[in-house]
Amino acid sequence: MIRFYQLLTTTCLLLVFLSSLHADTYSLKRNDVITHVNTLNIHRIKDFWKAVKHSESSMYLTVQTAEGVKKVLHVQLPNHKVAPVARFGVDVSANKLAGVKVIHVRRNSPASRCQIATSRK
């Protein structure tokens, strides 16, 4: 009986830990606007792809969500310098020289597993 309670307690703690990790993740969604990559202002699609292609494995995005909330996201990218679309996993369109608008997020890509950054380091 004691082992059952230990297992139950461990399971509950694990679920609380996993739910707290899940709360810090954000997946880019359709109509989100990416305005900054690291410290670069994004005006055109070309600026965005150049920033993604030449970024280190860790990248910070400033995103204006479809609901109007501004978030800073931290993304870990694989080392795939040849094709930035494959490296990040999102399709974008122009947004009146004020960032790029997300039109599609590929499943299981880094764009679907962003961490909400509390502060830039």
Protein backbone atom coordinates (compact mmCIF):
# COMPACT_ATOMS: atom_id res chain seq x y z
CA MET A 1 0.00 0.00 0.00
CA ILE A 2 2.88 2.37 0.78
CA ARG A 3 4.37 1.76 -2.67
CA PHE A 4 1.04 2.62 -4.25
CA TYR A 5 0.99 6.01 -2.49
CA GLN A 6 4.61 6.66 -3.46
CA LEU A 7 3.79 5.85 -7.07
CA LEU A 8 0.69 8.04 -6.94
CA THR A 9 2.68 10.95 -5.44
CA THR A 10 5.44 10.58 -8.03
CA THR A 11 2.88 10.49 -10.84
CA CYS A 12 1.14 13.62 -9.56
CA LEU A 13 4.45 15.49 -9.27
CA LEU A 14 5.41 14.42 -12.78
CA LEU A 15 2.08 15.63 -14.18
CA VAL A 16 2.46 19.00 -12.44
CA PHE A 17 6.00 19.33 -13.81
CA LEU A 18 4.93 18.44 -17.37
CA SER A 19 1.96 20.81 -17.26
CA SER A 20 4.25 23.65 -16.15
CA LEU A 21 6.57 22.91 -19.07
CA HIS A 22 3.63 22.83 -21.45
CA ALA A 23 2.48 26.25 -20.27
CA ASP A 24 5.74 27.84 -21.43
CA THR A 25 5.54 26.58 -25.01
CA TYR A 26 3.93 28.39 -27.92
CA SER A 27 3.31 27.29 -31.45
CA LEU A 28 3.26 29.96 -34.12
CA LYS A 29 -0.20 30.21 -35.63
CA ARG A 30 -1.67 31.48 -38.86
CA ASN A 31 -1.87 35.32 -38.98
CA ASP A 32 0.82 35.83 -36.31
CA VAL A 33 3.21 38.63 -37.36
CA ILE A 34 6.95 38.24 -36.79
CA THR A 35 8.44 41.71 -36.36
CA HIS A 36 11.98 40.97 -35.09
CA VAL A 37 14.45 38.10 -35.38
CA ASN A 38 17.10 38.38 -32.67
CA THR A 39 17.77 42.15 -32.82
CA LEU A 40 16.97 42.69 -36.49
CA ASN A 41 13.83 44.55 -37.57
CA ILE A 42 11.95 42.56 -40.18
CA HIS A 43 10.40 44.62 -42.98
CA ARG A 44 10.28 42.20 -45.91
CA ILE A 45 10.24 38.46 -46.50
CA LYS A 46 13.84 38.65 -47.72
CA ASP A 47 14.92 40.13 -44.36
CA PHE A 48 13.21 37.30 -42.50
CA TRP A 49 14.76 34.45 -44.51
CA LYS A 50 18.20 36.04 -44.38
CA ALA A 51 17.93 36.34 -40.57
CA VAL A 52 16.79 32.71 -40.21
CA LYS A 53 19.48 31.41 -42.56
CA HIS A 54 22.32 33.23 -40.80
CA SER A 55 21.07 32.80 -37.24
CA GLU A 56 22.87 30.65 -34.71
CA SER A 57 21.14 27.56 -33.36
CA SER A 58 19.31 29.73 -30.82
CA MET A 59 16.98 32.42 -32.13
CA TYR A 60 14.64 34.97 -30.50
CA LEU A 61 11.48 36.11 -32.28
CA THR A 62 9.25 39.05 -31.41
CA VAL A 63 5.75 38.07 -32.46
CA GLN A 64 2.47 39.95 -32.53
CA THR A 65 -0.20 37.25 -32.18
CA ALA A 66 -3.46 37.24 -34.10
CA GLU A 67 -5.17 38.40 -30.87
CA GLY A 68 -2.86 41.45 -30.65
CA VAL A 69 -0.59 40.22 -27.84
CA LYS A 70 3.16 40.78 -28.24
CA LYS A 71 5.41 37.86 -27.23
CA VAL A 72 9.12 37.12 -27.30
CA LEU A 73 9.80 33.51 -28.27
CA HIS A 74 12.98 31.46 -28.02
CA VAL A 75 13.52 28.84 -30.74
CA GLN A 76 16.20 26.15 -31.02
CA LEU A 77 17.03 25.52 -34.68
CA PRO A 78 18.74 22.53 -36.26
CA ASN A 79 21.97 23.20 -38.16
CA HIS A 80 20.59 23.31 -41.68
CA LYS A 81 22.03 26.43 -43.31
CA VAL A 82 21.10 25.57 -46.90
CA ALA A 83 17.32 25.83 -46.74
CA PRO A 84 15.91 28.23 -44.13
CA VAL A 85 12.34 27.03 -44.76
CA ALA A 86 13.35 23.50 -43.77
CA ARG A 87 15.36 24.86 -40.86
CA PHE A 88 12.49 26.83 -39.28
CA GLY A 89 9.36 25.24 -40.76
CA VAL A 90 7.04 28.15 -41.45
CA ASP A 91 5.69 29.82 -44.60
CA VAL A 92 5.30 33.60 -44.50
CA SER A 93 3.86 36.42 -46.59
CA ALA A 94 4.40 40.17 -46.71
CA ASN A 95 2.75 42.39 -44.08
CA LYS A 96 2.97 46.04 -45.23
CA LEU A 97 6.67 46.51 -44.30
CA ALA A 98 5.87 45.72 -40.65
CA GLY A 99 7.14 42.18 -40.30
CA VAL A 100 6.01 39.00 -41.99
CA LYS A 101 2.69 37.23 -41.53
CA VAL A 102 2.65 33.49 -40.83
CA ILE A 103 0.46 31.65 -43.33
CA HIS A 104 1.39 28.04 -42.50
CA VAL A 105 3.32 26.23 -39.76
CA ARG A 106 4.72 22.82 -40.61
CA ARG A 107 3.96 20.02 -38.20
CA ASN A 108 6.80 19.01 -35.83
CA SER A 109 8.98 21.92 -36.94
CA PRO A 110 10.88 24.28 -34.58
CA ALA A 111 8.16 26.90 -35.28
CA SER A 112 5.65 24.60 -33.58
CA ARG A 113 7.81 24.25 -30.44
CA CYS A 114 8.77 27.78 -29.34
CA GLN A 115 9.49 28.64 -25.71
CA ILE A 116 8.12 31.88 -24.29
CA ALA A 117 11.15 33.92 -23.22
CA THR A 118 10.86 35.80 -19.96
CA SER A 119 13.92 37.92 -20.72
CA ARG A 120 16.42 38.20 -23.54
CA LYS A 121 19.92 37.02 -22.70
